[in-house]
N, C-alpha and C. Protein backbone atom coordinates (compact mmCIF):
# COMPACT_ATOMS: atom_id res chain seq x y z
N ILE A 1 0.28 -15.20 2.49
CA ILE A 1 1.26 -14.17 2.14
C ILE A 1 0.84 -13.47 0.86
N SER A 2 0.43 -14.22 -0.13
CA SER A 2 0.07 -13.63 -1.41
C SER A 2 -1.04 -12.60 -1.27
N ALA A 3 -2.03 -12.89 -0.46
CA ALA A 3 -3.14 -11.95 -0.29
C ALA A 3 -2.64 -10.64 0.30
N GLN A 4 -1.66 -10.71 1.22
CA GLN A 4 -1.15 -9.49 1.82
C GLN A 4 -0.31 -8.68 0.84
N GLU A 5 0.45 -9.36 -0.01
CA GLU A 5 1.30 -8.65 -0.97
C GLU A 5 0.48 -8.09 -2.12
N TYR A 6 -0.52 -8.82 -2.55
CA TYR A 6 -1.25 -8.42 -3.75
C TYR A 6 -2.67 -7.98 -3.48
N GLY A 7 -3.08 -7.96 -2.23
CA GLY A 7 -4.43 -7.56 -1.88
C GLY A 7 -4.67 -6.09 -2.20
N HIS A 8 -5.92 -5.74 -2.18
CA HIS A 8 -6.29 -4.35 -2.38
C HIS A 8 -5.78 -3.51 -1.21
N LEU A 9 -5.65 -2.23 -1.44
CA LEU A 9 -5.15 -1.33 -0.40
C LEU A 9 -5.98 -1.45 0.88
N GLU A 10 -7.29 -1.55 0.74
CA GLU A 10 -8.16 -1.67 1.93
C GLU A 10 -7.77 -2.88 2.77
N GLU A 11 -7.47 -4.01 2.12
CA GLU A 11 -7.07 -5.22 2.85
C GLU A 11 -5.74 -5.02 3.55
N LYS A 12 -4.81 -4.36 2.88
CA LYS A 12 -3.50 -4.11 3.47
C LYS A 12 -3.63 -3.16 4.67
N ILE A 13 -4.47 -2.14 4.53
CA ILE A 13 -4.70 -1.20 5.62
C ILE A 13 -5.26 -1.94 6.83
N SER A 14 -6.25 -2.76 6.60
CA SER A 14 -6.87 -3.52 7.68
C SER A 14 -5.87 -4.46 8.35
N PHE A 15 -5.09 -5.17 7.55
CA PHE A 15 -4.11 -6.11 8.08
C PHE A 15 -3.06 -5.39 8.92
N CYS A 16 -2.46 -4.33 8.38
CA CYS A 16 -1.41 -3.61 9.10
C CYS A 16 -1.94 -3.01 10.39
N PHE A 17 -3.13 -2.43 10.33
CA PHE A 17 -3.69 -1.83 11.55
C PHE A 17 -3.87 -2.88 12.63
N LYS A 18 -4.35 -4.06 12.25
CA LYS A 18 -4.53 -5.14 13.24
C LYS A 18 -3.20 -5.57 13.84
N VAL A 19 -2.14 -5.56 13.05
CA VAL A 19 -0.81 -5.88 13.58
C VAL A 19 -0.38 -4.83 14.59
N TYR A 20 -0.59 -3.56 14.29
CA TYR A 20 -0.16 -2.47 15.16
C TYR A 20 -1.05 -2.30 16.39
N ASP A 21 -2.32 -2.68 16.29
CA ASP A 21 -3.27 -2.56 17.40
C ASP A 21 -2.99 -3.68 18.39
N LEU A 22 -1.96 -3.51 19.20
CA LEU A 22 -1.44 -4.57 20.06
C LEU A 22 -2.47 -5.15 21.02
N MET A 23 -3.41 -4.35 21.47
CA MET A 23 -4.38 -4.82 22.45
C MET A 23 -5.75 -5.12 21.82
N GLY A 24 -5.88 -4.94 20.52
CA GLY A 24 -7.14 -5.22 19.85
C GLY A 24 -8.26 -4.28 20.26
N GLU A 25 -7.92 -3.04 20.56
CA GLU A 25 -8.89 -2.07 21.05
C GLU A 25 -9.52 -1.22 19.95
N GLY A 26 -9.00 -1.32 18.74
CA GLY A 26 -9.53 -0.51 17.66
C GLY A 26 -8.84 0.83 17.52
N TYR A 27 -7.80 1.06 18.31
CA TYR A 27 -7.01 2.28 18.21
C TYR A 27 -5.60 1.98 18.71
N ILE A 28 -4.68 2.86 18.36
CA ILE A 28 -3.28 2.67 18.75
C ILE A 28 -2.87 3.85 19.62
N LYS A 29 -2.47 3.56 20.84
CA LYS A 29 -2.01 4.58 21.77
C LYS A 29 -0.53 4.87 21.52
N LYS A 30 -0.08 6.02 22.00
CA LYS A 30 1.33 6.38 21.88
C LYS A 30 2.24 5.35 22.54
N GLU A 31 1.80 4.79 23.68
CA GLU A 31 2.64 3.81 24.37
C GLU A 31 2.82 2.55 23.52
N TYR A 32 1.81 2.19 22.72
CA TYR A 32 1.94 1.04 21.83
C TYR A 32 2.90 1.37 20.69
N MET A 33 2.81 2.60 20.20
CA MET A 33 3.74 3.03 19.16
C MET A 33 5.17 2.96 19.68
N PHE A 34 5.35 3.37 20.93
CA PHE A 34 6.69 3.32 21.52
C PHE A 34 7.21 1.89 21.54
N ARG A 35 6.35 0.94 21.92
CA ARG A 35 6.77 -0.48 21.93
C ARG A 35 7.16 -0.95 20.53
N LEU A 36 6.41 -0.49 19.53
CA LEU A 36 6.69 -0.91 18.15
C LEU A 36 7.97 -0.29 17.60
N LEU A 37 8.27 0.93 18.03
CA LEU A 37 9.38 1.69 17.43
C LEU A 37 10.64 1.77 18.29
N LYS A 38 10.61 1.27 19.52
CA LYS A 38 11.73 1.50 20.44
C LYS A 38 13.06 0.92 19.96
N HIS A 39 13.01 -0.07 19.10
CA HIS A 39 14.26 -0.66 18.60
C HIS A 39 14.68 -0.08 17.25
N THR A 40 13.98 0.95 16.82
CA THR A 40 14.28 1.59 15.54
C THR A 40 15.62 2.33 15.57
N PHE A 41 15.86 3.04 16.65
CA PHE A 41 17.08 3.83 16.78
C PHE A 41 18.03 3.13 17.74
N ARG A 42 19.17 2.73 17.23
CA ARG A 42 20.15 2.04 18.07
C ARG A 42 21.35 2.94 18.27
N GLY A 43 21.91 2.85 19.44
CA GLY A 43 23.09 3.66 19.71
C GLY A 43 22.71 5.10 19.98
N ASN A 44 23.69 5.91 20.07
CA ASN A 44 23.49 7.31 20.40
C ASN A 44 23.77 8.15 19.16
N LEU A 45 22.74 8.54 18.46
CA LEU A 45 22.88 9.33 17.24
C LEU A 45 23.06 10.80 17.58
N LEU A 46 24.19 11.34 17.19
CA LEU A 46 24.48 12.76 17.39
C LEU A 46 24.28 13.20 18.84
N GLY A 47 24.56 12.30 19.77
CA GLY A 47 24.46 12.65 21.17
C GLY A 47 23.05 12.70 21.72
N GLU A 48 22.06 12.30 20.93
CA GLU A 48 20.68 12.33 21.39
C GLU A 48 20.27 11.00 21.99
N ASP A 49 19.38 11.06 22.95
CA ASP A 49 18.85 9.87 23.60
C ASP A 49 17.94 9.13 22.61
N PRO A 50 18.21 7.83 22.35
CA PRO A 50 17.38 7.08 21.40
C PRO A 50 15.89 7.08 21.77
N GLU A 51 15.58 7.06 23.07
CA GLU A 51 14.18 7.09 23.49
C GLU A 51 13.53 8.41 23.10
N GLU A 52 14.28 9.50 23.19
CA GLU A 52 13.75 10.80 22.80
C GLU A 52 13.50 10.85 21.29
N LEU A 53 14.38 10.21 20.52
CA LEU A 53 14.18 10.14 19.07
C LEU A 53 12.91 9.38 18.73
N VAL A 54 12.65 8.30 19.46
CA VAL A 54 11.41 7.53 19.24
C VAL A 54 10.20 8.39 19.59
N LYS A 55 10.27 9.10 20.70
CA LYS A 55 9.16 9.97 21.10
C LYS A 55 8.92 11.05 20.05
N ASP A 56 9.99 11.61 19.50
CA ASP A 56 9.86 12.60 18.43
C ASP A 56 9.20 11.99 17.19
N MET A 57 9.60 10.77 16.86
CA MET A 57 9.01 10.07 15.72
C MET A 57 7.51 9.85 15.94
N ILE A 58 7.14 9.45 17.15
CA ILE A 58 5.73 9.24 17.49
C ILE A 58 4.96 10.55 17.37
N ASP A 59 5.55 11.64 17.84
CA ASP A 59 4.90 12.94 17.71
C ASP A 59 4.66 13.29 16.24
N MET A 60 5.64 12.98 15.38
CA MET A 60 5.47 13.24 13.94
C MET A 60 4.36 12.38 13.36
N VAL A 61 4.33 11.10 13.74
CA VAL A 61 3.28 10.20 13.25
C VAL A 61 1.91 10.70 13.69
N MET A 62 1.78 11.06 14.96
CA MET A 62 0.49 11.53 15.46
C MET A 62 0.08 12.84 14.80
N ASN A 63 1.03 13.74 14.60
CA ASN A 63 0.73 15.00 13.94
C ASN A 63 0.21 14.77 12.52
N LYS A 64 0.78 13.79 11.85
CA LYS A 64 0.41 13.50 10.46
C LYS A 64 -0.87 12.67 10.36
N MET A 65 -1.08 11.73 11.30
CA MET A 65 -2.13 10.73 11.12
C MET A 65 -3.31 10.83 12.08
N ASP A 66 -3.16 11.45 13.23
CA ASP A 66 -4.28 11.57 14.18
C ASP A 66 -5.18 12.72 13.72
N LEU A 67 -6.01 12.41 12.75
CA LEU A 67 -6.79 13.45 12.07
C LEU A 67 -7.82 14.12 12.97
N ASP A 68 -8.40 13.40 13.92
CA ASP A 68 -9.40 14.00 14.79
C ASP A 68 -8.79 14.55 16.09
N ARG A 69 -7.48 14.46 16.21
CA ARG A 69 -6.71 15.03 17.33
C ARG A 69 -7.23 14.58 18.70
N ASP A 70 -7.56 13.29 18.82
CA ASP A 70 -8.03 12.77 20.10
C ASP A 70 -6.94 12.07 20.90
N GLY A 71 -5.71 12.09 20.39
CA GLY A 71 -4.58 11.52 21.12
C GLY A 71 -4.32 10.04 20.89
N VAL A 72 -5.16 9.40 20.08
CA VAL A 72 -4.94 8.00 19.70
C VAL A 72 -5.13 7.89 18.19
N LEU A 73 -4.55 6.86 17.62
CA LEU A 73 -4.67 6.63 16.19
C LEU A 73 -5.76 5.58 15.97
N SER A 74 -6.93 6.05 15.55
CA SER A 74 -8.05 5.14 15.30
C SER A 74 -7.88 4.49 13.93
N PHE A 75 -8.65 3.45 13.68
CA PHE A 75 -8.60 2.80 12.38
C PHE A 75 -8.96 3.80 11.29
N GLU A 76 -9.96 4.63 11.54
CA GLU A 76 -10.39 5.61 10.53
C GLU A 76 -9.28 6.62 10.24
N ASP A 77 -8.60 7.11 11.29
CA ASP A 77 -7.46 8.02 11.11
C ASP A 77 -6.39 7.36 10.25
N TYR A 78 -6.06 6.13 10.61
CA TYR A 78 -5.02 5.37 9.90
C TYR A 78 -5.41 5.16 8.45
N LYS A 79 -6.63 4.71 8.22
CA LYS A 79 -7.09 4.42 6.86
C LYS A 79 -7.07 5.67 5.98
N GLN A 80 -7.61 6.77 6.48
CA GLN A 80 -7.64 8.00 5.69
C GLN A 80 -6.23 8.51 5.40
N SER A 81 -5.34 8.41 6.38
CA SER A 81 -3.96 8.87 6.20
C SER A 81 -3.23 8.04 5.16
N VAL A 82 -3.40 6.72 5.21
CA VAL A 82 -2.72 5.83 4.27
C VAL A 82 -3.28 6.03 2.87
N LYS A 83 -4.58 6.27 2.75
CA LYS A 83 -5.16 6.51 1.43
C LYS A 83 -4.61 7.79 0.81
N LYS A 84 -4.29 8.78 1.63
CA LYS A 84 -3.69 10.02 1.13
C LYS A 84 -2.22 9.82 0.78
N ASN A 85 -1.54 8.95 1.54
CA ASN A 85 -0.11 8.72 1.34
C ASN A 85 0.19 7.25 1.64
N ASN A 86 0.28 6.44 0.60
CA ASN A 86 0.49 4.99 0.76
C ASN A 86 1.77 4.65 1.52
N ASP A 87 2.75 5.54 1.53
CA ASP A 87 4.01 5.28 2.24
C ASP A 87 3.80 5.16 3.75
N LEU A 88 2.66 5.64 4.25
CA LEU A 88 2.38 5.57 5.68
C LEU A 88 1.85 4.20 6.11
N LEU A 89 1.62 3.30 5.16
CA LEU A 89 1.05 1.99 5.46
C LEU A 89 1.84 1.26 6.54
N GLU A 90 3.15 1.25 6.45
CA GLU A 90 3.99 0.53 7.40
C GLU A 90 4.84 1.50 8.24
N VAL A 91 4.26 2.62 8.60
CA VAL A 91 4.99 3.65 9.32
C VAL A 91 5.43 3.19 10.72
N LEU A 92 4.74 2.23 11.31
CA LEU A 92 5.08 1.75 12.65
C LEU A 92 5.89 0.46 12.62
N GLY A 93 6.40 0.12 11.46
CA GLY A 93 7.22 -1.07 11.31
C GLY A 93 6.69 -1.95 10.19
N TYR A 94 7.58 -2.67 9.57
CA TYR A 94 7.19 -3.52 8.46
C TYR A 94 6.37 -4.70 8.95
N CYS A 95 5.25 -4.94 8.29
CA CYS A 95 4.43 -6.10 8.66
C CYS A 95 3.95 -6.87 7.43
N LEU A 96 4.21 -6.36 6.25
CA LEU A 96 3.88 -7.08 5.03
C LEU A 96 5.15 -7.74 4.49
N PRO A 97 5.03 -8.91 3.90
CA PRO A 97 6.23 -9.57 3.37
C PRO A 97 6.78 -8.84 2.15
N SER A 98 8.08 -8.91 1.95
CA SER A 98 8.70 -8.32 0.77
C SER A 98 8.38 -9.18 -0.45
N ARG A 99 8.54 -8.61 -1.61
CA ARG A 99 8.28 -9.37 -2.84
C ARG A 99 9.18 -10.61 -2.95
N PRO A 100 10.49 -10.51 -2.64
CA PRO A 100 11.31 -11.73 -2.69
C PRO A 100 10.82 -12.81 -1.72
N ALA A 101 10.32 -12.41 -0.55
CA ALA A 101 9.80 -13.39 0.40
C ALA A 101 8.54 -14.06 -0.15
N VAL A 102 7.69 -13.27 -0.79
CA VAL A 102 6.48 -13.83 -1.40
C VAL A 102 6.87 -14.80 -2.50
N TYR A 103 7.84 -14.41 -3.32
CA TYR A 103 8.29 -15.28 -4.40
C TYR A 103 8.84 -16.59 -3.85
N ALA A 104 9.67 -16.50 -2.80
CA ALA A 104 10.24 -17.71 -2.21
C ALA A 104 9.15 -18.63 -1.68
N PHE A 105 8.17 -18.04 -1.00
CA PHE A 105 7.06 -18.83 -0.46
C PHE A 105 6.26 -19.47 -1.58
N MET A 106 5.90 -18.65 -2.56
CA MET A 106 5.05 -19.15 -3.65
C MET A 106 5.78 -20.18 -4.50
N SER A 107 7.07 -19.98 -4.73
CA SER A 107 7.80 -20.95 -5.55
C SER A 107 7.96 -22.28 -4.84
N THR A 108 7.88 -22.26 -3.53
CA THR A 108 7.96 -23.50 -2.75
C THR A 108 6.63 -24.25 -2.75
N PHE A 109 5.52 -23.51 -2.67
CA PHE A 109 4.22 -24.14 -2.47
C PHE A 109 3.25 -24.04 -3.63
N THR A 110 3.61 -23.34 -4.70
CA THR A 110 2.71 -23.16 -5.83
C THR A 110 3.37 -23.65 -7.10
N PRO A 111 2.73 -24.56 -7.84
CA PRO A 111 3.32 -25.01 -9.10
C PRO A 111 3.33 -23.90 -10.14
N ASN A 112 4.33 -23.91 -10.99
CA ASN A 112 4.46 -22.97 -12.11
C ASN A 112 4.58 -21.51 -11.70
N VAL A 113 5.05 -21.24 -10.50
CA VAL A 113 5.18 -19.85 -10.08
C VAL A 113 6.29 -19.13 -10.83
N SER A 114 7.24 -19.85 -11.39
CA SER A 114 8.35 -19.20 -12.10
C SER A 114 7.86 -18.40 -13.30
N THR A 115 6.68 -18.71 -13.84
CA THR A 115 6.15 -17.93 -14.96
C THR A 115 5.72 -16.54 -14.50
N MET A 116 5.53 -16.38 -13.20
CA MET A 116 5.13 -15.08 -12.65
C MET A 116 6.34 -14.31 -12.13
N HIS A 117 7.52 -14.86 -12.29
CA HIS A 117 8.76 -14.32 -11.73
C HIS A 117 8.89 -12.81 -11.91
N GLY A 118 8.71 -12.32 -13.10
CA GLY A 118 8.90 -10.90 -13.37
C GLY A 118 7.93 -10.01 -12.63
N LYS A 119 6.76 -10.52 -12.30
CA LYS A 119 5.76 -9.72 -11.60
C LYS A 119 6.01 -9.67 -10.10
N LEU A 120 6.77 -10.62 -9.57
CA LEU A 120 6.94 -10.71 -8.13
C LEU A 120 8.18 -10.00 -7.59
N LEU A 121 9.19 -9.82 -8.39
CA LEU A 121 10.46 -9.38 -7.84
C LEU A 121 10.74 -7.88 -7.78
N PRO A 122 10.03 -7.00 -8.46
CA PRO A 122 10.37 -5.58 -8.31
C PRO A 122 10.28 -5.15 -6.85
N SER A 123 11.19 -4.30 -6.45
CA SER A 123 11.21 -3.90 -5.04
C SER A 123 10.05 -2.97 -4.74
N ARG A 124 9.62 -3.01 -3.49
CA ARG A 124 8.53 -2.12 -3.09
C ARG A 124 9.14 -0.89 -2.44
N SER A 125 8.39 0.18 -2.44
CA SER A 125 8.91 1.42 -1.87
C SER A 125 8.91 1.33 -0.35
N ARG A 126 9.78 2.07 0.28
CA ARG A 126 9.87 2.14 1.73
C ARG A 126 9.59 3.58 2.16
N LEU A 127 9.12 3.74 3.37
CA LEU A 127 8.82 5.05 3.92
C LEU A 127 10.09 5.87 4.03
N LYS A 128 10.00 7.10 3.62
CA LYS A 128 11.13 8.02 3.73
C LYS A 128 10.77 9.07 4.77
N ILE A 129 11.71 9.40 5.62
CA ILE A 129 11.45 10.34 6.70
C ILE A 129 11.05 11.71 6.16
N LYS A 130 11.47 12.04 4.94
CA LYS A 130 11.11 13.35 4.38
C LYS A 130 9.61 13.48 4.15
N ASP A 131 8.87 12.36 4.14
CA ASP A 131 7.43 12.41 3.96
C ASP A 131 6.72 13.07 5.13
N PHE A 132 7.42 13.21 6.24
CA PHE A 132 6.83 13.86 7.39
C PHE A 132 7.03 15.34 7.25
């Protein structure tokens, strides 16, 4: 957990991409994005179909991140996009542990972790839809 929370951006990019690459193919198809995001919108927001909202979200992600416009999100597309805007790291769902979760884990399994308390607890930023 600690390596994922405190690792370099390159390590986080690699880890998150592997989580999102459901089939281990080296790219993420729209259908995989749909599987990852389909539970994001619950209920009927403003009379719109939740599935259509997910499809719209996927279109926004692809427009922003599919840099070579080949219809799939390759590791290189993902990496370059995240380096330009770190908020895109977990755009397809959270896969890194929160700081409180890291603290809880470390305080259970690491001696003297309470001396690091102040460094572990600040909240991390979350993706805002306005970034699209």
